[in-house]
Amino acid sequence: MITFVRRVRMLNGYFVEAMEILRERVEYIENAHGIKIELHSRFGGPVGEVAMVSRHDDATDLELFRKKITADVASAKLLKQLAAVTIAGETYDEIWMSL
């Protein structure tokens, strides 16, 4: 099992708007691609940081999903909206493997 985590930080004062876009994108990805993504808010640490977490059978499954999402025009439009309310350079990806 592979767990993919993407962390983003919102611009000050834009948390509500960013969460609306994130929720819309998560719902879109689940409906269009069948991938469930959980949203987590940081409890302590940098204010306005949110993690999106998805689980995949293996690294190949994750890579296939990433290829699909990269070519997805509707998803890209939501990312562009999200870019206006998040801090540039403050997005981090982590990939974890179950032992």
PDB file of N, CA and C in Angstrom:
ATOM      1  N   MET A   1       0.846  -1.176   0.000  1.00  0.00           N
ATOM      2  CA  MET A   1       0.000   0.000   0.000  1.00  0.00           C
ATOM      3  C   MET A   1       0.895   1.244   0.000  1.00  0.00           C
ATOM      4  N   ILE A   2       0.543   2.202  -0.841  1.00  0.00           N
ATOM      5  CA  ILE A   2       1.256   3.470  -0.944  1.00  0.00           C
ATOM      6  C   ILE A   2       0.317   4.581  -0.481  1.00  0.00           C
ATOM      7  N   THR A   3       0.833   5.445   0.376  1.00  0.00           N
ATOM      8  CA  THR A   3       0.064   6.608   0.827  1.00  0.00           C
ATOM      9  C   THR A   3       0.734   7.851   0.264  1.00  0.00           C
ATOM     10  N   PHE A   4      -0.039   8.645  -0.454  1.00  0.00           N
ATOM     11  CA  PHE A   4       0.455   9.880  -1.045  1.00  0.00           C
ATOM     12  C   PHE A   4      -0.119  11.051  -0.261  1.00  0.00           C
ATOM     13  N   VAL A   5       0.760  11.959   0.173  1.00  0.00           N
ATOM     14  CA  VAL A   5       0.347  13.125   0.947  1.00  0.00           C
ATOM     15  C   VAL A   5       0.843  14.377   0.240  1.00  0.00           C
ATOM     16  N   ARG A   6      -0.073  15.294  -0.035  1.00  0.00           N
ATOM     17  CA  ARG A   6       0.303  16.604  -0.582  1.00  0.00           C
ATOM     18  C   ARG A   6      -0.143  17.650   0.425  1.00  0.00           C
ATOM     19  N   ARG A   7       0.823  18.471   0.871  1.00  0.00           N
ATOM     20  CA  ARG A   7       0.528  19.522   1.842  1.00  0.00           C
ATOM     21  C   ARG A   7       0.616  20.883   1.154  1.00  0.00           C
ATOM     22  N   VAL A   8      -0.382  21.734   1.419  1.00  0.00           N
ATOM     23  CA  VAL A   8      -0.412  23.091   0.876  1.00  0.00           C
ATOM     24  C   VAL A   8      -0.697  24.068   2.014  1.00  0.00           C
ATOM     25  N   ARG A   9      -0.260  25.313   1.841  1.00  0.00           N
ATOM     26  CA  ARG A   9      -0.567  26.373   2.810  1.00  0.00           C
ATOM     27  C   ARG A   9      -1.308  27.491   2.115  1.00  0.00           C
ATOM     28  N   MET A  10      -2.351  27.947   2.794  1.00  0.00           N
ATOM     29  CA  MET A  10      -3.182  29.006   2.247  1.00  0.00           C
ATOM     30  C   MET A  10      -2.601  30.380   2.561  1.00  0.00           C
ATOM     31  N   LEU A  11      -2.904  31.334   1.702  1.00  0.00           N
ATOM     32  CA  LEU A  11      -2.569  32.726   1.999  1.00  0.00           C
ATOM     33  C   LEU A  11      -3.399  33.176   3.192  1.00  0.00           C
ATOM     34  N   ASN A  12      -2.832  34.053   4.008  1.00  0.00           N
ATOM     35  CA  ASN A  12      -3.581  34.584   5.148  1.00  0.00           C
ATOM     36  C   ASN A  12      -4.888  35.212   4.670  1.00  0.00           C
ATOM     37  N   GLY A  13      -5.968  34.848   5.334  1.00  0.00           N
ATOM     38  CA  GLY A  13      -7.273  35.403   5.009  1.00  0.00           C
ATOM     39  C   GLY A  13      -8.018  34.673   3.906  1.00  0.00           C
ATOM     40  N   TYR A  14      -7.441  33.617   3.339  1.00  0.00           N
ATOM     41  CA  TYR A  14      -8.067  32.906   2.227  1.00  0.00           C
ATOM     42  C   TYR A  14      -8.388  31.445   2.549  1.00  0.00           C
ATOM     43  N   PHE A  15      -8.394  31.090   3.822  1.00  0.00           N
ATOM     44  CA  PHE A  15      -8.614  29.696   4.198  1.00  0.00           C
ATOM     45  C   PHE A  15      -9.966  29.182   3.700  1.00  0.00           C
ATOM     46  N   VAL A  16     -11.014  29.951   3.897  1.00  0.00           N
ATOM     47  CA  VAL A  16     -12.360  29.504   3.495  1.00  0.00           C
ATOM     48  C   VAL A  16     -12.432  29.301   1.988  1.00  0.00           C
ATOM     49  N   GLU A  17     -11.935  30.267   1.226  1.00  0.00           N
ATOM     50  CA  GLU A  17     -11.965  30.147  -0.231  1.00  0.00           C
ATOM     51  C   GLU A  17     -11.139  28.958  -0.703  1.00  0.00           C
ATOM     52  N   ALA A  18      -9.958  28.781  -0.118  1.00  0.00           N
ATOM     53  CA  ALA A  18      -9.093  27.665  -0.508  1.00  0.00           C
ATOM     54  C   ALA A  18      -9.750  26.328  -0.187  1.00  0.00           C
ATOM     55  N   MET A  19     -10.384  26.228   0.974  1.00  0.00           N
ATOM     56  CA  MET A  19     -11.050  24.979   1.347  1.00  0.00           C
ATOM     57  C   MET A  19     -12.201  24.656   0.405  1.00  0.00           C
ATOM     58  N   GLU A  20     -12.923  25.661  -0.044  1.00  0.00           N
ATOM     59  CA  GLU A  20     -14.006  25.426  -1.009  1.00  0.00           C
ATOM     60  C   GLU A  20     -13.458  24.830  -2.301  1.00  0.00           C
ATOM     61  N   ILE A  21     -12.350  25.383  -2.792  1.00  0.00           N
ATOM     62  CA  ILE A  21     -11.739  24.879  -4.023  1.00  0.00           C
ATOM     63  C   ILE A  21     -11.177  23.477  -3.803  1.00  0.00           C
ATOM     64  N   LEU A  22     -10.507  23.260  -2.671  1.00  0.00           N
ATOM     65  CA  LEU A  22      -9.965  21.933  -2.373  1.00  0.00           C
ATOM     66  C   LEU A  22     -11.074  20.889  -2.304  1.00  0.00           C
ATOM     67  N   ARG A  23     -12.152  21.212  -1.615  1.00  0.00           N
ATOM     68  CA  ARG A  23     -13.272  20.261  -1.520  1.00  0.00           C
ATOM     69  C   ARG A  23     -13.867  19.966  -2.892  1.00  0.00           C
ATOM     70  N   GLU A  24     -13.986  20.998  -3.721  1.00  0.00           N
ATOM     71  CA  GLU A  24     -14.504  20.808  -5.082  1.00  0.00           C
ATOM     72  C   GLU A  24     -13.574  19.901  -5.885  1.00  0.00           C
ATOM     73  N   ARG A  25     -12.264  20.123  -5.769  1.00  0.00           N
ATOM     74  CA  ARG A  25     -11.296  19.306  -6.510  1.00  0.00           C
ATOM     75  C   ARG A  25     -11.300  17.866  -6.018  1.00  0.00           C
ATOM     76  N   VAL A  26     -11.349  17.662  -4.703  1.00  0.00           N
ATOM     77  CA  VAL A  26     -11.377  16.314  -4.132  1.00  0.00           C
ATOM     78  C   VAL A  26     -12.631  15.566  -4.614  1.00  0.00           C
ATOM     79  N   GLU A  27     -13.754  16.250  -4.592  1.00  0.00           N
ATOM     80  CA  GLU A  27     -15.003  15.633  -5.065  1.00  0.00           C
ATOM     81  C   GLU A  27     -14.914  15.306  -6.554  1.00  0.00           C
ATOM     82  N   TYR A  28     -14.355  16.233  -7.333  1.00  0.00           N
ATOM     83  CA  TYR A  28     -14.195  15.996  -8.766  1.00  0.00           C
ATOM     84  C   TYR A  28     -13.310  14.771  -9.026  1.00  0.00           C
ATOM     85  N   ILE A  29     -12.174  14.690  -8.352  1.00  0.00           N
ATOM     86  CA  ILE A  29     -11.248  13.571  -8.566  1.00  0.00           C
ATOM     87  C   ILE A  29     -11.902  12.242  -8.206  1.00  0.00           C
ATOM     88  N   GLU A  30     -12.654  12.224  -7.114  1.00  0.00           N
ATOM     89  CA  GLU A  30     -13.324  10.977  -6.734  1.00  0.00           C
ATOM     90  C   GLU A  30     -14.367  10.580  -7.784  1.00  0.00           C
ATOM     91  N   ASN A  31     -15.149  11.547  -8.251  1.00  0.00           N
ATOM     92  CA  ASN A  31     -16.187  11.240  -9.251  1.00  0.00           C
ATOM     93  C   ASN A  31     -15.597  10.881 -10.609  1.00  0.00           C
ATOM     94  N   ALA A  32     -14.550  11.589 -11.026  1.00  0.00           N
ATOM     95  CA  ALA A  32     -13.978  11.378 -12.359  1.00  0.00           C
ATOM     96  C   ALA A  32     -13.007  10.210 -12.422  1.00  0.00           C
ATOM     97  N   HIS A  33     -12.283   9.960 -11.312  1.00  0.00           N
ATOM     98  CA  HIS A  33     -11.197   8.972 -11.350  1.00  0.00           C
ATOM     99  C   HIS A  33     -11.327   7.861 -10.319  1.00  0.00           C
ATOM    100  N   GLY A  34     -12.325   7.964  -9.432  1.00  0.00           N
ATOM    101  CA  GLY A  34     -12.539   6.915  -8.442  1.00  0.00           C
ATOM    102  C   GLY A  34     -11.509   6.870  -7.328  1.00  0.00           C
ATOM    103  N   ILE A  35     -10.762   7.955  -7.140  1.00  0.00           N
ATOM    104  CA  ILE A  35      -9.746   8.016  -6.088  1.00  0.00           C
ATOM    105  C   ILE A  35     -10.286   8.835  -4.921  1.00  0.00           C
ATOM    106  N   LYS A  36     -10.334   8.222  -3.762  1.00  0.00           N
ATOM    107  CA  LYS A  36     -10.783   8.903  -2.538  1.00  0.00           C
ATOM    108  C   LYS A  36      -9.611   9.670  -1.953  1.00  0.00           C
ATOM    109  N   ILE A  37      -9.819  10.958  -1.707  1.00  0.00           N
ATOM    110  CA  ILE A  37      -8.797  11.803  -1.104  1.00  0.00           C
ATOM    111  C   ILE A  37      -9.358  12.376   0.188  1.00  0.00           C
ATOM    112  N   GLU A  38      -8.602  12.192   1.260  1.00  0.00           N
ATOM    113  CA  GLU A  38      -9.000  12.740   2.560  1.00  0.00           C
ATOM    114  C   GLU A  38      -8.352  14.111   2.725  1.00  0.00           C
ATOM    115  N   LEU A  39      -9.087  15.034   3.333  1.00  0.00           N
ATOM    116  CA  LEU A  39      -8.533  16.344   3.674  1.00  0.00           C
ATOM    117  C   LEU A  39      -8.253  16.372   5.174  1.00  0.00           C
ATOM    118  N   HIS A  40      -7.049  16.822   5.536  1.00  0.00           N
ATOM    119  CA  HIS A  40      -6.652  16.935   6.939  1.00  0.00           C
ATOM    120  C   HIS A  40      -6.125  18.344   7.182  1.00  0.00           C
ATOM    121  N   SER A  41      -6.525  18.927   8.303  1.00  0.00           N
ATOM    122  CA  SER A  41      -6.031  20.237   8.692  1.00  0.00           C
ATOM    123  C   SER A  41      -4.993  20.067   9.789  1.00  0.00           C
ATOM    124  N   ARG A  42      -3.934  20.830   9.718  1.00  0.00           N
ATOM    125  CA  ARG A  42      -2.863  20.729  10.703  1.00  0.00           C
ATOM    126  C   ARG A  42      -3.365  21.174  12.066  1.00  0.00           C
ATOM    127  N   PHE A  43      -3.004  20.425  13.078  1.00  0.00           N
ATOM    128  CA  PHE A  43      -3.332  20.736  14.468  1.00  0.00           C
ATOM    129  C   PHE A  43      -2.040  21.160  15.142  1.00  0.00           C
ATOM    130  N   GLY A  44      -1.765  22.440  15.102  1.00  0.00           N
ATOM    131  CA  GLY A  44      -0.472  22.954  15.547  1.00  0.00           C
ATOM    132  C   GLY A  44       0.455  23.074  14.351  1.00  0.00           C
ATOM    133  N   GLY A  45       1.477  23.874  14.469  1.00  0.00           N
ATOM    134  CA  GLY A  45       2.406  24.069  13.351  1.00  0.00           C
ATOM    135  C   GLY A  45       1.958  25.222  12.485  1.00  0.00           C
ATOM    136  N   PRO A  46       2.396  25.253  11.229  1.00  0.00           N
ATOM    137  CA  PRO A  46       2.051  26.371  10.359  1.00  0.00           C
ATOM    138  C   PRO A  46       0.530  26.534  10.217  1.00  0.00           C
ATOM    139  N   VAL A  47       0.057  27.751  10.411  1.00  0.00           N
ATOM    140  CA  VAL A  47      -1.368  28.051  10.285  1.00  0.00           C
ATOM    141  C   VAL A  47      -1.773  27.955   8.824  1.00  0.00           C
ATOM    142  N   GLY A  48      -2.949  27.378   8.572  1.00  0.00           N
ATOM    143  CA  GLY A  48      -3.484  27.315   7.216  1.00  0.00           C
ATOM    144  C   GLY A  48      -2.901  26.206   6.368  1.00  0.00           C
ATOM    145  N   GLU A  49      -2.284  25.204   6.994  1.00  0.00           N
ATOM    146  CA  GLU A  49      -1.736  24.086   6.216  1.00  0.00           C
ATOM    147  C   GLU A  49      -2.753  22.945   6.174  1.00  0.00           C
ATOM    148  N   VAL A  50      -2.960  22.402   4.992  1.00  0.00           N
ATOM    149  CA  VAL A  50      -3.894  21.300   4.777  1.00  0.00           C
ATOM    150  C   VAL A  50      -3.167  20.189   4.033  1.00  0.00           C
ATOM    151  N   ALA A  51      -3.477  18.948   4.414  1.00  0.00           N
ATOM    152  CA  ALA A  51      -2.909  17.794   3.719  1.00  0.00           C
ATOM    153  C   ALA A  51      -4.023  17.060   2.989  1.00  0.00           C
ATOM    154  N   MET A  52      -3.730  16.663   1.763  1.00  0.00           N
ATOM    155  CA  MET A  52      -4.618  15.807   0.989  1.00  0.00           C
ATOM    156  C   MET A  52      -3.959  14.439   0.946  1.00  0.00           C
ATOM    157  N   VAL A  53      -4.684  13.408   1.365  1.00  0.00           N
ATOM    158  CA  VAL A  53      -4.114  12.076   1.508  1.00  0.00           C
ATOM    159  C   VAL A  53      -4.894  11.090   0.640  1.00  0.00           C
ATOM    160  N   SER A  54      -4.173  10.345  -0.189  1.00  0.00           N
ATOM    161  CA  SER A  54      -4.793   9.284  -0.983  1.00  0.00           C
ATOM    162  C   SER A  54      -3.996   8.002  -0.804  1.00  0.00           C
ATOM    163  N   ARG A  55      -4.676   6.884  -0.981  1.00  0.00           N
ATOM    164  CA  ARG A  55      -4.020   5.577  -0.824  1.00  0.00           C
ATOM    165  C   ARG A  55      -4.135   4.808  -2.139  1.00  0.00           C
ATOM    166  N   HIS A  56      -3.046   4.086  -2.457  1.00  0.00           N
ATOM    167  CA  HIS A  56      -2.960   3.385  -3.734  1.00  0.00           C
ATOM    168  C   HIS A  56      -2.396   1.986  -3.492  1.00  0.00           C
ATOM    169  N   ASP A  57      -2.772   1.052  -4.342  1.00  0.00           N
ATOM    170  CA  ASP A  57      -2.335  -0.337  -4.169  1.00  0.00           C
ATOM    171  C   ASP A  57      -0.822  -0.479  -4.186  1.00  0.00           C
ATOM    172  N   ASP A  58      -0.174   0.242  -5.108  1.00  0.00           N
ATOM    173  CA  ASP A  58       1.279   0.161  -5.243  1.00  0.00           C
ATOM    174  C   ASP A  58       1.770   1.408  -5.980  1.00  0.00           C
ATOM    175  N   ALA A  59       3.078   1.501  -6.191  1.00  0.00           N
ATOM    176  CA  ALA A  59       3.655   2.673  -6.844  1.00  0.00           C
ATOM    177  C   ALA A  59       3.163   2.829  -8.282  1.00  0.00           C
ATOM    178  N   THR A  60       2.923   1.723  -8.962  1.00  0.00           N
ATOM    179  CA  THR A  60       2.408   1.771 -10.330  1.00  0.00           C
ATOM    180  C   THR A  60       1.020   2.392 -10.354  1.00  0.00           C
ATOM    181  N   ASP A  61       0.175   1.994  -9.410  1.00  0.00           N
ATOM    182  CA  ASP A  61      -1.176   2.548  -9.301  1.00  0.00           C
ATOM    183  C   ASP A  61      -1.116   4.060  -9.072  1.00  0.00           C
ATOM    184  N   LEU A  62      -0.222   4.506  -8.197  1.00  0.00           N
ATOM    185  CA  LEU A  62      -0.064   5.937  -7.943  1.00  0.00           C
ATOM    186  C   LEU A  62       0.400   6.655  -9.197  1.00  0.00           C
ATOM    187  N   GLU A  63       1.375   6.097  -9.894  1.00  0.00           N
ATOM    188  CA  GLU A  63       1.900   6.741 -11.095  1.00  0.00           C
ATOM    189  C   GLU A  63       0.839   6.830 -12.190  1.00  0.00           C
ATOM    190  N   LEU A  64       0.032   5.798 -12.355  1.00  0.00           N
ATOM    191  CA  LEU A  64      -1.053   5.852 -13.347  1.00  0.00           C
ATOM    192  C   LEU A  64      -2.055   6.947 -12.996  1.00  0.00           C
ATOM    193  N   PHE A  65      -2.389   7.058 -11.716  1.00  0.00           N
ATOM    194  CA  PHE A  65      -3.290   8.110 -11.281  1.00  0.00           C
ATOM    195  C   PHE A  65      -2.688   9.493 -11.567  1.00  0.00           C
ATOM    196  N   ARG A  66      -1.416   9.664 -11.243  1.00  0.00           N
ATOM    197  CA  ARG A  66      -0.766  10.959 -11.466  1.00  0.00           C
ATOM    198  C   ARG A  66      -0.730  11.320 -12.948  1.00  0.00           C
ATOM    199  N   LYS A  67      -0.532  10.335 -13.817  1.00  0.00           N
ATOM    200  CA  LYS A  67      -0.554  10.602 -15.262  1.00  0.00           C
ATOM    201  C   LYS A  67      -1.939  11.046 -15.711  1.00  0.00           C
ATOM    202  N   LYS A  68      -2.980  10.381 -15.205  1.00  0.00           N
ATOM    203  CA  LYS A  68      -4.361  10.757 -15.558  1.00  0.00           C
ATOM    204  C   LYS A  68      -4.670  12.179 -15.112  1.00  0.00           C
ATOM    205  N   ILE A  69      -4.307  12.502 -13.886  1.00  0.00           N
ATOM    206  CA  ILE A  69      -4.651  13.803 -13.320  1.00  0.00           C
ATOM    207  C   ILE A  69      -3.867  14.925 -13.992  1.00  0.00           C
ATOM    208  N   THR A  70      -2.654  14.625 -14.457  1.00  0.00           N
ATOM    209  CA  THR A  70      -1.840  15.623 -15.145  1.00  0.00           C
ATOM    210  C   THR A  70      -2.472  16.040 -16.469  1.00  0.00           C
ATOM    211  N   ALA A  71      -3.146  15.111 -17.120  1.00  0.00           N
ATOM    212  CA  ALA A  71      -3.771  15.388 -18.414  1.00  0.00           C
ATOM    213  C   ALA A  71      -5.226  15.838 -18.285  1.00  0.00           C
ATOM    214  N   ASP A  72      -5.724  15.956 -17.079  1.00  0.00           N
ATOM    215  CA  ASP A  72      -7.126  16.273 -16.835  1.00  0.00           C
ATOM    216  C   ASP A  72      -7.335  17.791 -16.835  1.00  0.00           C
ATOM    217  N   VAL A  73      -8.013  18.302 -17.851  1.00  0.00           N
ATOM    218  CA  VAL A  73      -8.209  19.742 -18.033  1.00  0.00           C
ATOM    219  C   VAL A  73      -9.060  20.343 -16.916  1.00  0.00           C
ATOM    220  N   ALA A  74     -10.126  19.664 -16.510  1.00  0.00           N
ATOM    221  CA  ALA A  74     -10.992  20.187 -15.452  1.00  0.00           C
ATOM    222  C   ALA A  74     -10.237  20.289 -14.131  1.00  0.00           C
ATOM    223  N   SER A  75      -9.420  19.303 -13.839  1.00  0.00           N
ATOM    224  CA  SER A  75      -8.617  19.334 -12.623  1.00  0.00           C
ATOM    225  C   SER A  75      -7.603  20.478 -12.673  1.00  0.00           C
ATOM    226  N   ALA A  76      -7.022  20.708 -13.830  1.00  0.00           N
ATOM    227  CA  ALA A  76      -6.047  21.791 -13.997  1.00  0.00           C
ATOM    228  C   ALA A  76      -6.687  23.159 -13.760  1.00  0.00           C
ATOM    229  N   LYS A  77      -7.940  23.328 -14.183  1.00  0.00           N
ATOM    230  CA  LYS A  77      -8.640  24.599 -13.948  1.00  0.00           C
ATOM    231  C   LYS A  77      -8.819  24.843 -12.451  1.00  0.00           C
ATOM    232  N   LEU A  78      -9.143  23.779 -11.715  1.00  0.00           N
ATOM    233  CA  LEU A  78      -9.286  23.909 -10.266  1.00  0.00           C
ATOM    234  C   LEU A  78      -7.935  24.220  -9.610  1.00  0.00           C
ATOM    235  N   LEU A  79      -6.867  23.623 -10.119  1.00  0.00           N
ATOM    236  CA  LEU A  79      -5.526  23.924  -9.594  1.00  0.00           C
ATOM    237  C   LEU A  79      -5.159  25.388  -9.818  1.00  0.00           C
ATOM    238  N   LYS A  80      -5.533  25.915 -10.967  1.00  0.00           N
ATOM    239  CA  LYS A  80      -5.237  27.319 -11.260  1.00  0.00           C
ATOM    240  C   LYS A  80      -5.978  28.235 -10.279  1.00  0.00           C
ATOM    241  N   GLN A  81      -7.228  27.901  -9.967  1.00  0.00           N
ATOM    242  CA  GLN A  81      -7.983  28.670  -8.974  1.00  0.00           C
ATOM    243  C   GLN A  81      -7.315  28.565  -7.603  1.00  0.00           C
ATOM    244  N   LEU A  82      -6.849  27.380  -7.271  1.00  0.00           N
ATOM    245  CA  LEU A  82      -6.211  27.142  -5.981  1.00  0.00           C
ATOM    246  C   LEU A  82      -4.902  27.936  -5.856  1.00  0.00           C
ATOM    247  N   ALA A  83      -4.188  28.085  -6.961  1.00  0.00           N
ATOM    248  CA  ALA A  83      -2.916  28.813  -6.949  1.00  0.00           C
ATOM    249  C   ALA A  83      -3.093  30.262  -6.503  1.00  0.00           C
ATOM    250  N   ALA A  84      -4.272  30.823  -6.736  1.00  0.00           N
ATOM    251  CA  ALA A  84      -4.528  32.220  -6.370  1.00  0.00           C
ATOM    252  C   ALA A  84      -4.713  32.412  -4.863  1.00  0.00           C
ATOM    253  N   VAL A  85      -4.932  31.324  -4.115  1.00  0.00           N
ATOM    254  CA  VAL A  85      -5.222  31.447  -2.682  1.00  0.00           C
ATOM    255  C   VAL A  85      -4.265  30.624  -1.808  1.00  0.00           C
ATOM    256  N   THR A  86      -3.207  30.087  -2.418  1.00  0.00           N
ATOM    257  CA  THR A  86      -2.209  29.331  -1.648  1.00  0.00           C
ATOM    258  C   THR A  86      -0.843  29.993  -1.805  1.00  0.00           C
ATOM    259  N   ILE A  87       0.070  29.646  -0.916  1.00  0.00           N
ATOM    260  CA  ILE A  87       1.403  30.237  -0.921  1.00  0.00           C
ATOM    261  C   ILE A  87       2.295  29.484  -1.907  1.00  0.00           C
ATOM    262  N   ALA A  88       2.798  30.193  -2.890  1.00  0.00           N
ATOM    263  CA  ALA A  88       3.687  29.586  -3.891  1.00  0.00           C
ATOM    264  C   ALA A  88       4.948  29.049  -3.205  1.00  0.00           C
ATOM    265  N   GLY A  89       5.382  27.874  -3.614  1.00  0.00           N
ATOM    266  CA  GLY A  89       6.589  27.273  -3.053  1.00  0.00           C
ATOM    267  C   GLY A  89       6.379  26.586  -1.713  1.00  0.00           C
ATOM    268  N   GLU A  90       5.139  26.543  -1.237  1.00  0.00           N
ATOM    269  CA  GLU A  90       4.833  25.912   0.052  1.00  0.00           C
ATOM    270  C   GLU A  90       3.965  24.666  -0.132  1.00  0.00           C
ATOM    271  N   THR A  91       4.150  23.964  -1.235  1.00  0.00           N
ATOM    272  CA  THR A  91       3.451  22.707  -1.486  1.00  0.00           C
ATOM    273  C   THR A  91       4.485  21.595  -1.411  1.00  0.00           C
ATOM    274  N   TYR A  92       4.188  20.567  -0.617  1.00  0.00           N
ATOM    275  CA  TYR A  92       5.125  19.473  -0.408  1.00  0.00           C
ATOM    276  C   TYR A  92       4.436  18.144  -0.627  1.00  0.00           C
ATOM    277  N   ASP A  93       5.107  17.235  -1.291  1.00  0.00           N
ATOM    278  CA  ASP A  93       4.600  15.883  -1.504  1.00  0.00           C
ATOM    279  C   ASP A  93       5.406  14.897  -0.673  1.00  0.00           C
ATOM    280  N   GLU A  94       4.705  13.913  -0.137  1.00  0.00           N
ATOM    281  CA  GLU A  94       5.343  12.814   0.567  1.00  0.00           C
ATOM    282  C   GLU A  94       4.703  11.515   0.075  1.00  0.00           C
ATOM    283  N   ILE A  95       5.524  10.503  -0.120  1.00  0.00           N
ATOM    284  CA  ILE A  95       5.020   9.190  -0.518  1.00  0.00           C
ATOM    285  C   ILE A  95       5.502   8.193   0.516  1.00  0.00           C
ATOM    286  N   TRP A  96       4.548   7.504   1.132  1.00  0.00           N
ATOM    287  CA  TRP A  96       4.839   6.550   2.188  1.00  0.00           C
ATOM    288  C   TRP A  96       4.447   5.154   1.746  1.00  0.00           C
ATOM    289  N   MET A  97       5.248   4.177   2.125  1.00  0.00           N
ATOM    290  CA  MET A  97       4.997   2.784   1.779  1.00  0.00           C
ATOM    291  C   MET A  97       4.689   2.007   3.057  1.00  0.00           C
ATOM    292  N   SER A  98       3.619   1.231   3.035  1.00  0.00           N
ATOM    293  CA  SER A  98       3.284   0.394   4.186  1.00  0.00           C
ATOM    294  C   SER A  98       4.268  -0.762   4.278  1.00  0.00           C
ATOM    295  N   LEU A  99       4.661  -1.084   5.492  1.00  0.00           N
ATOM    296  CA  LEU A  99       5.610  -2.192   5.699  1.00  0.00           C
ATOM    297  C   LEU A  99       4.885  -3.428   6.181  1.00  0.00           C
TER     298      LEU A  99
END
